[in-house]
Amino acid sequence: MDVQVNDHILTKKPHPCGGSDFLVLRVGMDFKIRCVRCGREVMVARNKIEKNIKKIVREGTPL
């Protein structure tokens, strides 16, 4: 899966705040993502987040 820094990802399962749009801050064995709605940053294992991605939105394209 081709996820890059500054991409927005929409997840199947929402964050506890209710938002499902996340900004990718770091990519590697773990992803560091920030919830766009509440600003909380979370580190998630690559295999777990790749199963949970519904859509990848590149920088400059509308949601």
N, C-alpha and C. Protein backbone atom coordinates (compact mmCIF):
# COMPACT_ATOMS: atom_id res chain seq x y z
N MET A 1 0.85 -1.17 0.00
CA MET A 1 0.00 0.00 0.00
C MET A 1 0.90 1.23 0.00
N ASP A 2 0.60 2.17 -0.87
CA ASP A 2 1.45 3.35 -1.04
C ASP A 2 0.90 4.53 -0.24
N VAL A 3 1.29 4.61 1.02
CA VAL A 3 0.89 5.72 1.88
C VAL A 3 2.13 6.56 2.13
N GLN A 4 2.00 7.86 1.97
CA GLN A 4 3.12 8.78 2.14
C GLN A 4 2.80 9.80 3.22
N VAL A 5 3.86 10.47 3.69
CA VAL A 5 3.69 11.53 4.69
C VAL A 5 2.83 12.64 4.09
N ASN A 6 1.98 13.24 4.89
CA ASN A 6 1.03 14.31 4.54
C ASN A 6 -0.18 13.82 3.76
N ASP A 7 -0.37 12.52 3.62
CA ASP A 7 -1.61 11.99 3.05
C ASP A 7 -2.68 11.98 4.13
N HIS A 8 -3.91 12.11 3.72
CA HIS A 8 -5.04 11.94 4.64
C HIS A 8 -5.60 10.55 4.38
N ILE A 9 -5.88 9.82 5.45
CA ILE A 9 -6.48 8.50 5.28
C ILE A 9 -7.82 8.48 5.99
N LEU A 10 -8.79 7.85 5.35
CA LEU A 10 -10.10 7.64 5.94
C LEU A 10 -10.14 6.19 6.41
N THR A 11 -10.48 5.96 7.66
CA THR A 11 -10.45 4.61 8.23
C THR A 11 -11.85 4.03 8.34
N LYS A 12 -11.89 2.69 8.36
CA LYS A 12 -13.16 2.00 8.52
C LYS A 12 -13.72 2.20 9.92
N LYS A 13 -12.83 2.19 10.92
CA LYS A 13 -13.24 2.33 12.32
C LYS A 13 -12.89 3.74 12.79
N PRO A 14 -13.84 4.49 13.31
CA PRO A 14 -13.55 5.87 13.74
C PRO A 14 -12.74 5.93 15.04
N HIS A 15 -12.11 7.05 15.25
CA HIS A 15 -11.41 7.37 16.50
C HIS A 15 -12.48 7.56 17.58
N PRO A 16 -12.15 7.40 18.86
CA PRO A 16 -13.16 7.58 19.91
C PRO A 16 -13.85 8.94 19.90
N CYS A 17 -13.20 9.98 19.33
CA CYS A 17 -13.83 11.30 19.26
C CYS A 17 -14.90 11.36 18.17
N GLY A 18 -14.94 10.35 17.30
CA GLY A 18 -15.93 10.30 16.23
C GLY A 18 -15.38 10.58 14.85
N GLY A 19 -14.15 11.06 14.76
CA GLY A 19 -13.54 11.36 13.46
C GLY A 19 -12.91 10.13 12.84
N SER A 20 -12.96 10.05 11.51
CA SER A 20 -12.32 8.93 10.83
C SER A 20 -11.32 9.43 9.79
N ASP A 21 -10.97 10.71 9.83
CA ASP A 21 -9.98 11.31 8.93
C ASP A 21 -8.69 11.55 9.71
N PHE A 22 -7.59 10.99 9.21
CA PHE A 22 -6.31 11.10 9.89
C PHE A 22 -5.25 11.63 8.93
N LEU A 23 -4.30 12.40 9.45
CA LEU A 23 -3.16 12.89 8.70
C LEU A 23 -1.97 12.01 9.03
N VAL A 24 -1.25 11.54 8.01
CA VAL A 24 -0.08 10.69 8.21
C VAL A 24 1.14 11.56 8.48
N LEU A 25 1.76 11.37 9.64
CA LEU A 25 2.93 12.15 10.04
C LEU A 25 4.24 11.40 9.82
N ARG A 26 4.22 10.06 9.94
CA ARG A 26 5.43 9.26 9.81
C ARG A 26 5.05 7.90 9.25
N VAL A 27 5.90 7.38 8.37
CA VAL A 27 5.66 6.07 7.75
C VAL A 27 6.90 5.21 7.97
N GLY A 28 6.68 3.97 8.34
CA GLY A 28 7.75 3.01 8.56
C GLY A 28 7.11 1.71 9.00
N MET A 29 7.74 1.01 9.92
CA MET A 29 7.11 -0.18 10.50
C MET A 29 5.88 0.21 11.32
N ASP A 30 5.92 1.42 11.86
CA ASP A 30 4.78 2.00 12.56
C ASP A 30 4.37 3.26 11.83
N PHE A 31 3.08 3.57 11.86
CA PHE A 31 2.58 4.82 11.30
C PHE A 31 2.29 5.76 12.46
N LYS A 32 2.66 7.02 12.32
CA LYS A 32 2.25 8.03 13.28
C LYS A 32 1.18 8.85 12.57
N ILE A 33 -0.02 8.85 13.13
CA ILE A 33 -1.14 9.55 12.50
C ILE A 33 -1.75 10.52 13.50
N ARG A 34 -2.35 11.59 12.97
CA ARG A 34 -3.01 12.60 13.81
C ARG A 34 -4.47 12.68 13.39
N CYS A 35 -5.35 12.59 14.36
CA CYS A 35 -6.79 12.74 14.11
C CYS A 35 -7.05 14.19 13.73
N VAL A 36 -7.70 14.41 12.61
CA VAL A 36 -7.97 15.76 12.14
C VAL A 36 -9.01 16.45 13.02
N ARG A 37 -9.91 15.68 13.59
CA ARG A 37 -10.99 16.26 14.39
C ARG A 37 -10.52 16.75 15.76
N CYS A 38 -9.75 15.92 16.50
CA CYS A 38 -9.37 16.31 17.87
C CYS A 38 -7.88 16.61 18.03
N GLY A 39 -7.05 16.24 17.05
CA GLY A 39 -5.62 16.55 17.12
C GLY A 39 -4.77 15.54 17.86
N ARG A 40 -5.36 14.46 18.34
CA ARG A 40 -4.60 13.44 19.07
C ARG A 40 -3.69 12.68 18.11
N GLU A 41 -2.43 12.43 18.52
CA GLU A 41 -1.49 11.68 17.71
C GLU A 41 -1.37 10.26 18.25
N VAL A 42 -1.32 9.28 17.33
CA VAL A 42 -1.31 7.87 17.69
C VAL A 42 -0.27 7.15 16.85
N MET A 43 0.47 6.22 17.46
CA MET A 43 1.37 5.34 16.74
C MET A 43 0.64 4.00 16.55
N VAL A 44 0.59 3.52 15.30
CA VAL A 44 -0.12 2.28 14.99
C VAL A 44 0.78 1.41 14.13
N ALA A 45 0.78 0.10 14.37
CA ALA A 45 1.57 -0.84 13.59
C ALA A 45 1.09 -0.82 12.13
N ARG A 46 2.03 -0.98 11.21
CA ARG A 46 1.74 -0.93 9.78
C ARG A 46 0.67 -1.94 9.38
N ASN A 47 0.80 -3.19 9.80
CA ASN A 47 -0.18 -4.20 9.37
C ASN A 47 -1.57 -3.90 9.90
N LYS A 48 -1.68 -3.32 11.08
CA LYS A 48 -2.99 -3.00 11.65
C LYS A 48 -3.66 -1.84 10.91
N ILE A 49 -2.88 -0.79 10.59
CA ILE A 49 -3.47 0.38 9.93
C ILE A 49 -3.81 0.07 8.46
N GLU A 50 -2.99 -0.76 7.79
CA GLU A 50 -3.26 -1.08 6.39
C GLU A 50 -4.57 -1.85 6.22
N LYS A 51 -4.93 -2.66 7.20
CA LYS A 51 -6.21 -3.38 7.16
C LYS A 51 -7.38 -2.44 7.38
N ASN A 52 -7.13 -1.33 8.08
CA ASN A 52 -8.20 -0.42 8.52
C ASN A 52 -8.42 0.76 7.57
N ILE A 53 -7.57 0.92 6.53
CA ILE A 53 -7.71 2.07 5.62
C ILE A 53 -8.84 1.83 4.63
N LYS A 54 -9.74 2.81 4.56
CA LYS A 54 -10.84 2.76 3.59
C LYS A 54 -10.44 3.50 2.31
N LYS A 55 -9.79 4.67 2.47
CA LYS A 55 -9.45 5.51 1.32
C LYS A 55 -8.23 6.36 1.66
N ILE A 56 -7.36 6.58 0.66
CA ILE A 56 -6.20 7.45 0.81
C ILE A 56 -6.46 8.70 -0.02
N VAL A 57 -6.32 9.86 0.61
CA VAL A 57 -6.53 11.14 -0.08
C VAL A 57 -5.20 11.86 -0.14
N ARG A 58 -4.70 12.09 -1.35
CA ARG A 58 -3.40 12.75 -1.53
C ARG A 58 -3.51 14.24 -1.25
N GLU A 59 -2.38 14.87 -0.96
CA GLU A 59 -2.30 16.32 -0.74
C GLU A 59 -2.82 17.03 -1.99
N GLY A 60 -3.73 17.96 -1.82
CA GLY A 60 -4.23 18.76 -2.93
C GLY A 60 -5.47 18.22 -3.61
N THR A 61 -5.93 17.02 -3.24
CA THR A 61 -7.17 16.49 -3.83
C THR A 61 -8.29 16.61 -2.80
N PRO A 62 -9.50 16.90 -3.24
CA PRO A 62 -10.60 17.06 -2.29
C PRO A 62 -11.01 15.75 -1.65
N LEU A 63 -11.59 15.82 -0.43
CA LEU A 63 -12.10 14.63 0.24
C LEU A 63 -13.31 14.14 -0.49
